[in-house]
Amino acid sequence: MEDNETVNDELKTDSSRRCILTGGKDSRDYLIRLALAPDGSVHPDVRARAPGRGAWISVDHTALSRAITKGKLKAVLQRAFKTSDITISSDLPVRIENALQQQLLNQLGIEARSGRLLTGFERIIDSCRNGQAALLLHASDAASDGCKKLDHAFQSGKNRNAERQDFQSVKGWVLPVDRMILSLAVGRGNVVHIALTAPTTADRIKKSLMRWCRFIGWNWDTDICIDENADTMAIAGNNVKGSD
């Protein structure tokens, strides 16, 4: 795919995209589209639905900030779009990060309203044990004891439903947001853990989560839940009080 194809052009091609900064190719599910407005300004288009020309990036927040500061992003966009009329705001990485977070939270809210999202420790652990959970998520401030119990149940039940194995992780994923943000997103109180029961939905949300985590540098596997025996624990470079 050429970097300055329009949305309509992109829909006619395969799902792979080339990063305009690195030259590497990956699925569009894991890349981020930048849209060029008529006035030459560049905006995040995380849903890849904005009309007109656009380019794709695979780099994280830090690398993108560096490319903007050094003028590399502007230079490659000028070459791709064959115009010098390009304006890139210094807060573009922050806007992308916020958009990726909001997309994932909006998806969880939709699933909560549809009834395909479970909250509450007992409901989730039963779903995990029965092999009905397709994806397990933990808030960043969830206690490690609760995470471990649910992860164990999730692993124990994953082989009960062979159709869901392609959509399941080995254990639950730790989100880069705490229980307060999750609770607001799904419209329920004290949401510490989430289980998704529809495999296709779980796969879609997993892709959104991976893209978001890759961009902000969050490791959903090793940035583990908080140990309630510790006073504090550094999570993704931030100190978060350890309680559940």
C-alpha atoms as a PDB file:
ATOM      1  CA  MET A   1       0.000   0.000   0.000  1.00  0.00           C
ATOM      2  CA  GLU A   2       1.280   3.465  -0.865  1.00  0.00           C
ATOM      3  CA  ASP A   3       1.500   5.802   2.096  1.00  0.00           C
ATOM      4  CA  ASN A   4      -0.857   8.442   0.762  1.00  0.00           C
ATOM      5  CA  GLU A   5      -3.737   6.255  -0.338  1.00  0.00           C
ATOM      6  CA  THR A   6      -7.212   7.368   0.613  1.00  0.00           C
ATOM      7  CA  VAL A   7      -9.541   5.366   2.858  1.00  0.00           C
ATOM      8  CA  ASN A   8     -11.423   4.051  -0.189  1.00  0.00           C
ATOM      9  CA  ASP A   9      -8.150   2.919  -1.768  1.00  0.00           C
ATOM     10  CA  GLU A  10      -7.135   1.171   1.449  1.00  0.00           C
ATOM     11  CA  LEU A  11     -10.365  -0.806   1.638  1.00  0.00           C
ATOM     12  CA  LYS A  12      -9.587  -2.369  -1.737  1.00  0.00           C
ATOM     13  CA  THR A  13      -6.199  -3.722  -0.687  1.00  0.00           C
ATOM     14  CA  ASP A  14      -5.022  -6.311   1.812  1.00  0.00           C
ATOM     15  CA  SER A  15      -4.844  -5.650   5.536  1.00  0.00           C
ATOM     16  CA  SER A  16      -1.082  -5.067   5.710  1.00  0.00           C
ATOM     17  CA  ARG A  17       0.253  -1.526   5.965  1.00  0.00           C
ATOM     18  CA  ARG A  18       3.724  -0.001   5.819  1.00  0.00           C
ATOM     19  CA  CYS A  19       4.940   2.289   8.589  1.00  0.00           C
ATOM     20  CA  ILE A  20       5.942   5.593   7.043  1.00  0.00           C
ATOM     21  CA  LEU A  21       8.714   6.048   9.617  1.00  0.00           C
ATOM     22  CA  THR A  22      10.329   2.597   9.785  1.00  0.00           C
ATOM     23  CA  GLY A  23       9.323   1.059   6.458  1.00  0.00           C
ATOM     24  CA  GLY A  24       8.204  -2.113   8.237  1.00  0.00           C
ATOM     25  CA  LYS A  25       4.917  -3.799   7.375  1.00  0.00           C
ATOM     26  CA  ASP A  26       2.289  -5.124   9.768  1.00  0.00           C
ATOM     27  CA  SER A  27      -1.451  -5.695   9.973  1.00  0.00           C
ATOM     28  CA  ARG A  28      -3.485  -2.498  10.112  1.00  0.00           C
ATOM     29  CA  ASP A  29      -4.947  -3.867  13.348  1.00  0.00           C
ATOM     30  CA  TYR A  30      -1.666  -3.001  15.070  1.00  0.00           C
ATOM     31  CA  LEU A  31      -0.753   0.210  13.248  1.00  0.00           C
ATOM     32  CA  ILE A  32      -2.099   3.722  13.678  1.00  0.00           C
ATOM     33  CA  ARG A  33      -3.395   5.842  10.816  1.00  0.00           C
ATOM     34  CA  LEU A  34      -2.588   9.533  10.598  1.00  0.00           C
ATOM     35  CA  ALA A  35      -5.081  11.571   8.567  1.00  0.00           C
ATOM     36  CA  LEU A  36      -4.196  14.667   6.559  1.00  0.00           C
ATOM     37  CA  ALA A  37      -6.830  17.402   6.824  1.00  0.00           C
ATOM     38  CA  PRO A  38      -7.514  19.792   3.896  1.00  0.00           C
ATOM     39  CA  ASP A  39      -5.625  22.548   5.732  1.00  0.00           C
ATOM     40  CA  GLY A  40      -2.498  20.371   5.951  1.00  0.00           C
ATOM     41  CA  SER A  41      -2.821  19.504   9.638  1.00  0.00           C
ATOM     42  CA  VAL A  42      -2.172  15.933  10.765  1.00  0.00           C
ATOM     43  CA  HIS A  43      -4.609  14.184  13.115  1.00  0.00           C
ATOM     44  CA  PRO A  44      -4.885  10.728  14.727  1.00  0.00           C
ATOM     45  CA  ASP A  45      -7.362   8.439  12.989  1.00  0.00           C
ATOM     46  CA  VAL A  46      -7.311   5.347  15.187  1.00  0.00           C
ATOM     47  CA  ARG A  47     -10.489   3.950  13.633  1.00  0.00           C
ATOM     48  CA  ALA A  48      -9.084   4.487  10.118  1.00  0.00           C
ATOM     49  CA  ARG A  49     -12.307   6.057   8.915  1.00  0.00           C
ATOM     50  CA  ALA A  50     -11.379   9.670   8.254  1.00  0.00           C
ATOM     51  CA  PRO A  51     -11.795  10.656   4.591  1.00  0.00           C
ATOM     52  CA  GLY A  52      -8.916  11.733   2.413  1.00  0.00           C
ATOM     53  CA  ARG A  53      -5.244  10.899   2.506  1.00  0.00           C
ATOM     54  CA  GLY A  54      -3.479   9.206   5.371  1.00  0.00           C
ATOM     55  CA  ALA A  55      -0.308   7.414   6.440  1.00  0.00           C
ATOM     56  CA  TRP A  56       0.388   4.624   8.914  1.00  0.00           C
ATOM     57  CA  ILE A  57       2.845   4.410  11.809  1.00  0.00           C
ATOM     58  CA  SER A  58       3.982   1.528  13.990  1.00  0.00           C
ATOM     59  CA  VAL A  59       6.275   3.385  16.396  1.00  0.00           C
ATOM     60  CA  ASP A  60       5.531   4.012  20.065  1.00  0.00           C
ATOM     61  CA  HIS A  61       4.875   7.296  21.891  1.00  0.00           C
ATOM     62  CA  THR A  62       8.547   8.005  22.595  1.00  0.00           C
ATOM     63  CA  ALA A  63       9.746   7.301  19.062  1.00  0.00           C
ATOM     64  CA  LEU A  64       6.942   9.376  17.545  1.00  0.00           C
ATOM     65  CA  SER A  65       7.731  12.333  19.810  1.00  0.00           C
ATOM     66  CA  ARG A  66      11.362  12.114  18.757  1.00  0.00           C
ATOM     67  CA  ALA A  67      10.408  11.955  15.071  1.00  0.00           C
ATOM     68  CA  ILE A  68       8.262  15.058  15.463  1.00  0.00           C
ATOM     69  CA  THR A  69      10.924  16.996  17.371  1.00  0.00           C
ATOM     70  CA  LYS A  70      13.623  16.170  14.821  1.00  0.00           C
ATOM     71  CA  GLY A  71      11.355  16.920  11.868  1.00  0.00           C
ATOM     72  CA  LYS A  72      11.513  13.377  10.509  1.00  0.00           C
ATOM     73  CA  LEU A  73       7.762  12.797  10.517  1.00  0.00           C
ATOM     74  CA  LYS A  74       7.088  16.052   8.706  1.00  0.00           C
ATOM     75  CA  ALA A  75       9.746  15.259   6.100  1.00  0.00           C
ATOM     76  CA  VAL A  76       8.413  11.783   5.282  1.00  0.00           C
ATOM     77  CA  LEU A  77       4.830  13.063   5.111  1.00  0.00           C
ATOM     78  CA  GLN A  78       5.864  15.869   2.781  1.00  0.00           C
ATOM     79  CA  ARG A  79       7.500  13.341   0.468  1.00  0.00           C
ATOM     80  CA  ALA A  80       4.576  10.946   0.641  1.00  0.00           C
ATOM     81  CA  PHE A  81       1.917  13.569   0.005  1.00  0.00           C
ATOM     82  CA  LYS A  82       4.080  15.644  -2.370  1.00  0.00           C
ATOM     83  CA  THR A  83       3.349  18.866  -0.531  1.00  0.00           C
ATOM     84  CA  SER A  84       5.194  21.147   1.868  1.00  0.00           C
ATOM     85  CA  ASP A  85       1.931  22.247   3.454  1.00  0.00           C
ATOM     86  CA  ILE A  86       2.120  19.904   6.461  1.00  0.00           C
ATOM     87  CA  THR A  87       1.447  20.981  10.065  1.00  0.00           C
ATOM     88  CA  ILE A  88       2.138  18.585  12.946  1.00  0.00           C
ATOM     89  CA  SER A  89       1.203  19.520  16.493  1.00  0.00           C
ATOM     90  CA  SER A  90       3.679  18.611  19.239  1.00  0.00           C
ATOM     91  CA  ASP A  91       0.842  17.016  21.221  1.00  0.00           C
ATOM     92  CA  LEU A  92       0.062  14.478  18.477  1.00  0.00           C
ATOM     93  CA  PRO A  93       1.457  11.532  20.520  1.00  0.00           C
ATOM     94  CA  VAL A  94      -0.711  12.476  23.511  1.00  0.00           C
ATOM     95  CA  ARG A  95      -3.772  12.788  21.295  1.00  0.00           C
ATOM     96  CA  ILE A  96      -3.084   9.356  19.805  1.00  0.00           C
ATOM     97  CA  GLU A  97      -2.653   7.843  23.266  1.00  0.00           C
ATOM     98  CA  ASN A  98      -5.932   9.364  24.452  1.00  0.00           C
ATOM     99  CA  ALA A  99      -7.749   8.201  21.320  1.00  0.00           C
ATOM    100  CA  LEU A 100      -6.486   4.634  21.674  1.00  0.00           C
ATOM    101  CA  GLN A 101      -7.525   4.531  25.327  1.00  0.00           C
ATOM    102  CA  GLN A 102     -10.959   5.920  24.558  1.00  0.00           C
ATOM    103  CA  GLN A 103     -11.491   3.441  21.724  1.00  0.00           C
ATOM    104  CA  LEU A 104     -10.806   0.484  24.031  1.00  0.00           C
ATOM    105  CA  LEU A 105     -12.996   1.880  26.816  1.00  0.00           C
ATOM    106  CA  ASN A 106     -15.821   2.555  24.353  1.00  0.00           C
ATOM    107  CA  GLN A 107     -15.608  -1.055  23.151  1.00  0.00           C
ATOM    108  CA  LEU A 108     -15.853  -2.332  26.718  1.00  0.00           C
ATOM    109  CA  GLY A 109     -18.858  -0.075  27.336  1.00  0.00           C
ATOM    110  CA  ILE A 110     -20.630  -1.469  24.284  1.00  0.00           C
ATOM    111  CA  GLU A 111     -19.981  -5.033  25.413  1.00  0.00           C
ATOM    112  CA  ALA A 112     -21.272  -4.252  28.901  1.00  0.00           C
ATOM    113  CA  ARG A 113     -24.533  -2.947  27.478  1.00  0.00           C
ATOM    114  CA  SER A 114     -24.861  -5.962  25.175  1.00  0.00           C
ATOM    115  CA  GLY A 115     -24.519  -8.440  28.046  1.00  0.00           C
ATOM    116  CA  ARG A 116     -21.330 -10.043  26.704  1.00  0.00           C
ATOM    117  CA  LEU A 117     -19.140  -8.569  29.456  1.00  0.00           C
ATOM    118  CA  LEU A 118     -19.023  -9.961  32.985  1.00  0.00           C
ATOM    119  CA  THR A 119     -17.975  -8.173  36.176  1.00  0.00           C
ATOM    120  CA  GLY A 120     -17.941  -9.366  39.765  1.00  0.00           C
ATOM    121  CA  PHE A 121     -15.380 -11.829  41.072  1.00  0.00           C
ATOM    122  CA  GLU A 122     -17.734 -14.803  41.560  1.00  0.00           C
ATOM    123  CA  ARG A 123     -19.392 -14.477  38.159  1.00  0.00           C
ATOM    124  CA  ILE A 124     -16.034 -14.174  36.449  1.00  0.00           C
ATOM    125  CA  ILE A 125     -14.383 -17.098  38.229  1.00  0.00           C
ATOM    126  CA  ASP A 126     -17.361 -19.343  37.426  1.00  0.00           C
ATOM    127  CA  SER A 127     -17.151 -18.306  33.776  1.00  0.00           C
ATOM    128  CA  CYS A 128     -13.413 -19.008  33.724  1.00  0.00           C
ATOM    129  CA  ARG A 129     -13.758 -22.425  35.346  1.00  0.00           C
ATOM    130  CA  ASN A 130     -16.490 -23.420  32.892  1.00  0.00           C
ATOM    131  CA  GLY A 131     -14.373 -22.397  29.911  1.00  0.00           C
ATOM    132  CA  GLN A 132     -16.830 -19.672  28.924  1.00  0.00           C
ATOM    133  CA  ALA A 133     -14.468 -16.710  29.304  1.00  0.00           C
ATOM    134  CA  ALA A 134     -12.816 -15.772  26.016  1.00  0.00           C
ATOM    135  CA  LEU A 135     -10.733 -12.926  27.463  1.00  0.00           C
ATOM    136  CA  LEU A 136      -9.844 -11.977  31.032  1.00  0.00           C
ATOM    137  CA  LEU A 137      -8.829  -8.431  31.988  1.00  0.00           C
ATOM    138  CA  HIS A 138      -7.552  -6.917  35.244  1.00  0.00           C
ATOM    139  CA  ALA A 139      -7.454  -3.283  36.358  1.00  0.00           C
ATOM    140  CA  SER A 140      -3.956  -1.924  36.994  1.00  0.00           C
ATOM    141  CA  ASP A 141      -4.716  -1.562  40.713  1.00  0.00           C
ATOM    142  CA  ALA A 142      -6.214  -5.041  41.169  1.00  0.00           C
ATOM    143  CA  ALA A 143      -4.680  -7.083  43.999  1.00  0.00           C
ATOM    144  CA  SER A 144      -2.291  -9.804  42.870  1.00  0.00           C
ATOM    145  CA  ASP A 145      -4.098 -12.461  44.930  1.00  0.00           C
ATOM    146  CA  GLY A 146      -7.357 -11.926  43.061  1.00  0.00           C
ATOM    147  CA  CYS A 147      -5.546 -11.819  39.715  1.00  0.00           C
ATOM    148  CA  LYS A 148      -3.772 -15.102  40.440  1.00  0.00           C
ATOM    149  CA  LYS A 149      -6.991 -16.870  41.459  1.00  0.00           C
ATOM    150  CA  LEU A 150      -8.781 -15.761  38.304  1.00  0.00           C
ATOM    151  CA  ASP A 151      -5.786 -16.543  36.107  1.00  0.00           C
ATOM    152  CA  HIS A 152      -5.646 -20.059  37.552  1.00  0.00           C
ATOM    153  CA  ALA A 153      -9.358 -20.596  36.904  1.00  0.00           C
ATOM    154  CA  PHE A 154      -8.947 -19.175  33.403  1.00  0.00           C
ATOM    155  CA  GLN A 155      -6.116 -21.578  32.599  1.00  0.00           C
ATOM    156  CA  SER A 156      -8.025 -24.513  34.087  1.00  0.00           C
ATOM    157  CA  GLY A 157     -11.111 -23.850  31.998  1.00  0.00           C
ATOM    158  CA  LYS A 158      -9.499 -22.854  28.710  1.00  0.00           C
ATOM    159  CA  ASN A 159      -9.432 -26.426  27.346  1.00  0.00           C
ATOM    160  CA  ARG A 160     -13.111 -27.027  28.078  1.00  0.00           C
ATOM    161  CA  ASN A 161     -14.151 -25.205  24.931  1.00  0.00           C
ATOM    162  CA  ALA A 162     -11.868 -25.991  21.985  1.00  0.00           C
ATOM    163  CA  GLU A 163     -13.578 -23.413  19.771  1.00  0.00           C
ATOM    164  CA  ARG A 164     -12.341 -20.625  22.032  1.00  0.00           C
ATOM    165  CA  GLN A 165      -8.707 -21.592  22.291  1.00  0.00           C
ATOM    166  CA  ASP A 166      -7.625 -19.340  19.434  1.00  0.00           C
ATOM    167  CA  PHE A 167      -9.061 -16.349  21.268  1.00  0.00           C
ATOM    168  CA  GLN A 168      -7.742 -17.066  24.729  1.00  0.00           C
ATOM    169  CA  SER A 169      -4.558 -15.882  26.373  1.00  0.00           C
ATOM    170  CA  VAL A 170      -2.599 -17.979  28.825  1.00  0.00           C
ATOM    171  CA  LYS A 171      -3.767 -15.681  31.599  1.00  0.00           C
ATOM    172  CA  GLY A 172      -5.549 -12.404  32.188  1.00  0.00           C
ATOM    173  CA  TRP A 173      -4.257  -9.154  30.714  1.00  0.00           C
ATOM    174  CA  VAL A 174      -3.448  -6.214  32.989  1.00  0.00           C
ATOM    175  CA  LEU A 175      -4.924  -2.996  31.641  1.00  0.00           C
ATOM    176  CA  PRO A 176      -3.134   0.381  31.775  1.00  0.00           C
ATOM    177  CA  VAL A 177      -6.088   1.892  33.666  1.00  0.00           C
ATOM    178  CA  ASP A 178      -7.382   1.498  37.211  1.00  0.00           C
ATOM    179  CA  ARG A 179     -10.744   0.357  38.539  1.00  0.00           C
ATOM    180  CA  MET A 180     -12.201   3.865  38.648  1.00  0.00           C
ATOM    181  CA  ILE A 181     -11.728   4.355  34.915  1.00  0.00           C
ATOM    182  CA  LEU A 182     -13.030   0.852  34.162  1.00  0.00           C
ATOM    183  CA  SER A 183     -16.096   1.441  36.312  1.00  0.00           C
ATOM    184  CA  LEU A 184     -16.919   4.638  34.445  1.00  0.00           C
ATOM    185  CA  ALA A 185     -16.374   2.932  31.084  1.00  0.00           C
ATOM    186  CA  VAL A 186     -18.755   0.015  31.693  1.00  0.00           C
ATOM    187  CA  GLY A 187     -21.222   1.912  33.880  1.00  0.00           C
ATOM    188  CA  ARG A 188     -20.862  -0.331  36.937  1.00  0.00           C
ATOM    189  CA  GLY A 189     -19.423   0.108  40.390  1.00  0.00           C
ATOM    190  CA  ASN A 190     -15.956  -1.072  41.499  1.00  0.00           C
ATOM    191  CA  VAL A 191     -14.968  -2.912  38.307  1.00  0.00           C
ATOM    192  CA  VAL A 192     -11.652  -4.601  39.106  1.00  0.00           C
ATOM    193  CA  HIS A 193     -11.814  -7.585  36.724  1.00  0.00           C
ATOM    194  CA  ILE A 194     -13.620  -8.162  33.424  1.00  0.00           C
ATOM    195  CA  ALA A 195     -14.418 -11.315  31.457  1.00  0.00           C
ATOM    196  CA  LEU A 196     -15.585 -11.256  27.846  1.00  0.00           C
ATOM    197  CA  THR A 197     -17.624 -14.234  26.698  1.00  0.00           C
ATOM    198  CA  ALA A 198     -17.875 -13.742  22.916  1.00  0.00           C
ATOM    199  CA  PRO A 199     -14.755 -14.997  21.086  1.00  0.00           C
ATOM    200  CA  THR A 200     -15.048 -12.646  18.114  1.00  0.00           C
ATOM    201  CA  THR A 201     -15.513  -9.651  20.390  1.00  0.00           C
ATOM    202  CA  ALA A 202     -12.629 -10.784  22.589  1.00  0.00           C
ATOM    203  CA  ASP A 203     -10.363 -10.961  19.562  1.00  0.00           C
ATOM    204  CA  ARG A 204     -11.355  -7.467  18.448  1.00  0.00           C
ATOM    205  CA  ILE A 205     -10.802  -5.986  21.901  1.00  0.00           C
ATOM    206  CA  LYS A 206      -7.497  -7.828  22.263  1.00  0.00           C
ATOM    207  CA  LYS A 207      -6.246  -6.184  19.063  1.00  0.00           C
ATOM    208  CA  SER A 208      -7.281  -2.727  20.275  1.00  0.00           C
ATOM    209  CA  LEU A 209      -5.603  -3.402  23.608  1.00  0.00           C
ATOM    210  CA  MET A 210      -2.380  -4.625  22.010  1.00  0.00           C
ATOM    211  CA  ARG A 211      -2.180  -1.559  19.775  1.00  0.00           C
ATOM    212  CA  TRP A 212      -2.751   0.785  22.706  1.00  0.00           C
ATOM    213  CA  CYS A 213      -0.249  -1.001  24.950  1.00  0.00           C
ATOM    214  CA  ARG A 214       2.396  -1.119  22.254  1.00  0.00           C
ATOM    215  CA  PHE A 215       2.069   2.612  21.667  1.00  0.00           C
ATOM    216  CA  ILE A 216       2.388   3.593  25.335  1.00  0.00           C
ATOM    217  CA  GLY A 217       5.028   0.962  26.144  1.00  0.00           C
ATOM    218  CA  TRP A 218       2.850  -1.004  28.572  1.00  0.00           C
ATOM    219  CA  ASN A 219       3.567  -4.710  28.942  1.00  0.00           C
ATOM    220  CA  TRP A 220       0.209  -6.334  29.690  1.00  0.00           C
ATOM    221  CA  ASP A 221       1.980  -9.529  30.758  1.00  0.00           C
ATOM    222  CA  THR A 222       4.743  -8.293  33.102  1.00  0.00           C
ATOM    223  CA  ASP A 223       3.151  -5.061  34.358  1.00  0.00           C
ATOM    224  CA  ILE A 224       1.353  -7.260  36.852  1.00  0.00           C
ATOM    225  CA  CYS A 225      -1.350  -6.562  39.360  1.00  0.00           C
ATOM    226  CA  ILE A 226      -0.426  -4.969  42.665  1.00  0.00           C
ATOM    227  CA  ASP A 227       0.883  -7.113  45.505  1.00  0.00           C
ATOM    228  CA  GLU A 228      -1.298  -6.277  48.490  1.00  0.00           C
ATOM    229  CA  ASN A 229       1.616  -7.116  50.803  1.00  0.00           C
ATOM    230  CA  ALA A 230       3.658  -4.260  49.384  1.00  0.00           C
ATOM    231  CA  ASP A 231       3.178  -0.613  50.229  1.00  0.00           C
ATOM    232  CA  THR A 232       3.615   0.489  46.632  1.00  0.00           C
ATOM    233  CA  MET A 233       4.548  -0.963  43.281  1.00  0.00           C
ATOM    234  CA  ALA A 234       5.828   0.806  40.189  1.00  0.00           C
ATOM    235  CA  ILE A 235       3.552   0.173  37.252  1.00  0.00           C
ATOM    236  CA  ALA A 236       4.670   1.435  33.856  1.00  0.00           C
ATOM    237  CA  GLY A 237       6.894   3.991  35.525  1.00  0.00           C
ATOM    238  CA  ASN A 238       4.217   5.338  37.881  1.00  0.00           C
ATOM    239  CA  ASN A 239       3.858   4.565  41.602  1.00  0.00           C
ATOM    240  CA  VAL A 240       0.397   3.228  42.355  1.00  0.00           C
ATOM    241  CA  LYS A 241      -0.849   2.508  45.884  1.00  0.00           C
ATOM    242  CA  GLY A 242      -1.249  -1.190  46.472  1.00  0.00           C
ATOM    243  CA  SER A 243      -4.748  -2.005  47.625  1.00  0.00           C
ATOM    244  CA  ASP A 244      -7.805  -3.889  46.470  1.00  0.00           C
END
